[in-house]
C-alpha cells in the first residue's frame, strides 16, 4: 500500500513540476532559475500530496482511469500553482493545470502498471 502511494506521489510530481516550470518561463528554457525550480517543485509536491489523499477515498474508480486521473491531476495542479504563487500572470495556473493533465494522459500511454 505504501509503495502504491509513493508511486502515485512520484508520478504526479513528475507531471506537475515540468508543466509548472515550462509555463512559468513561457517555454524559454534559458530563463529557468533556482527560484523557478523551487516554485515548480512546491507545486508538484502539493499536487502529489493531494492525489495521494484522493487515492484513499476511491482508488479503483478514480485513479485507474487515465482520463479521470488526468483531469484530477490538472485540477490539483492548477489549484496548487495558484496557492504557491497567486500574484503570477493571469491564467497561468489554468495553463499549468492543462499542461499537467496532458502530461498525465500521455505518461499513462507510455508507462504501464
Protein backbone atom coordinates (compact mmCIF):
# COMPACT_ATOMS: atom_id res chain seq x y z
CA UNK A 1 0.00 0.00 0.00
CA UNK A 2 2.80 2.45 0.84
CA UNK A 3 4.58 1.55 -2.39
CA UNK A 4 1.43 2.40 -4.37
CA UNK A 5 1.12 5.78 -2.62
CA UNK A 6 4.79 6.59 -3.30
CA UNK A 7 4.27 5.74 -6.98
CA UNK A 8 1.21 8.00 -7.14
CA UNK A 9 3.12 10.85 -5.48
CA UNK A 10 6.19 10.49 -7.73
CA UNK A 11 4.13 10.30 -10.92
CA UNK A 12 2.10 13.39 -10.09
CA UNK A 13 5.28 15.21 -9.04
CA UNK A 14 6.89 14.28 -12.37
CA UNK A 15 3.90 15.63 -14.28
CA UNK A 16 3.11 18.82 -12.38
CA UNK A 17 6.70 20.03 -11.88
CA UNK A 18 7.75 20.24 -15.55
CA UNK A 19 4.35 21.65 -16.52
CA UNK A 20 4.70 24.41 -13.94
CA UNK A 21 8.32 25.06 -14.84
CA UNK A 22 7.68 25.39 -18.57
CA UNK A 23 4.57 27.55 -18.20
CA UNK A 24 6.29 29.78 -15.65
CA UNK A 25 9.13 30.66 -18.04
CA UNK A 26 6.75 30.63 -21.02
CA UNK A 27 8.81 27.98 -22.80
CA UNK A 28 12.11 29.89 -22.55
CA UNK A 29 14.40 27.25 -21.04
CA UNK A 30 17.24 29.75 -20.68
CA UNK A 31 15.18 31.75 -18.19
CA UNK A 32 14.91 28.89 -15.69
CA UNK A 33 16.41 29.79 -12.31
CA UNK A 34 16.62 28.13 -8.91
CA UNK A 35 13.59 30.16 -7.83
CA UNK A 36 11.61 28.70 -10.72
CA UNK A 37 12.68 25.18 -9.71
CA UNK A 38 11.69 25.81 -6.10
CA UNK A 39 8.25 27.07 -7.10
CA UNK A 40 7.70 24.23 -9.57
CA UNK A 41 8.77 21.58 -7.06
CA UNK A 42 6.50 23.08 -4.42
CA UNK A 43 3.59 22.99 -6.88
CA UNK A 44 4.40 19.40 -7.83
CA UNK A 45 4.69 18.32 -4.20
CA UNK A 46 1.31 19.79 -3.30
CA UNK A 47 -0.25 18.14 -6.36
CA UNK A 48 1.27 14.77 -5.43
CA UNK A 49 0.05 15.08 -1.87
CA UNK A 50 -3.48 15.95 -3.00
CA UNK A 51 -3.65 12.95 -5.33
CA UNK A 52 -2.31 10.61 -2.64
CA UNK A 53 -5.02 11.88 -0.29
CA UNK A 54 -7.64 11.32 -3.00
CA UNK A 55 -6.36 7.78 -3.50
CA UNK A 56 -7.59 6.90 -0.02
CA UNK A 57 -11.17 7.86 -0.92
CA UNK A 58 -11.90 5.78 -4.02
CA UNK A 59 -8.73 4.43 -5.60
CA UNK A 60 -10.26 1.93 -8.02
CA UNK A 61 -12.70 4.19 -9.83
CA UNK A 62 -10.77 7.44 -9.99
CA UNK A 63 -7.11 6.62 -10.16
CA UNK A 64 -7.18 3.71 -12.59
CA UNK A 65 -8.76 5.62 -15.46
CA UNK A 66 -6.19 7.67 -17.37
CA UNK A 67 -8.58 10.47 -18.29
CA UNK A 68 -10.06 10.85 -14.82
CA UNK A 69 -6.57 10.85 -13.36
CA UNK A 70 -5.51 13.43 -15.93
CA UNK A 71 -8.43 15.67 -15.04
CA UNK A 72 -7.80 15.33 -11.30
CA UNK A 73 -4.09 15.99 -11.79
CA UNK A 74 -4.86 19.07 -13.88
CA UNK A 75 -7.29 20.45 -11.31
CA UNK A 76 -4.92 19.76 -8.42
CA UNK A 77 -2.00 21.32 -10.31
CA UNK A 78 -3.97 24.44 -11.20
CA UNK A 79 -5.06 24.87 -7.58
CA UNK A 80 -1.54 24.18 -6.28
CA UNK A 81 0.00 26.61 -8.72
CA UNK A 82 -2.42 29.33 -7.69
CA UNK A 83 -1.72 28.67 -3.99
CA UNK A 84 2.07 28.68 -4.45
CA UNK A 85 2.20 31.98 -6.34
CA UNK A 86 -1.19 33.67 -6.68
CA UNK A 87 0.15 37.00 -7.92
CA UNK A 88 1.53 35.41 -11.08
CA UNK A 89 0.39 36.11 -14.64
CA UNK A 90 -3.37 35.89 -15.04
CA UNK A 91 -4.42 32.45 -16.21
CA UNK A 92 -1.02 30.87 -15.63
CA UNK A 93 -2.45 28.39 -13.14
CA UNK A 94 -5.03 27.24 -15.69
CA UNK A 95 -2.38 26.70 -18.37
CA UNK A 96 -0.20 24.86 -15.86
CA UNK A 97 -3.09 22.58 -14.91
CA UNK A 98 -3.91 21.88 -18.56
CA UNK A 99 -0.26 21.06 -19.32
CA UNK A 100 -0.07 18.72 -16.31
CA UNK A 101 -3.31 16.98 -17.37
CA UNK A 102 -1.94 16.42 -20.87
CA UNK A 103 1.37 15.12 -19.49
CA UNK A 104 -0.53 12.78 -17.18
CA UNK A 105 -2.55 11.25 -20.01
CA UNK A 106 0.49 10.96 -22.29
CA UNK A 107 2.50 9.43 -19.45
CA UNK A 108 -0.23 6.82 -18.93
CA UNK A 109 0.22 5.58 -22.50
CA UNK A 110 3.98 5.17 -22.03
CA UNK A 111 4.14 3.68 -18.53
CA UNK A 112 2.13 0.54 -17.90
CA UNK A 113 1.40 -0.70 -14.37
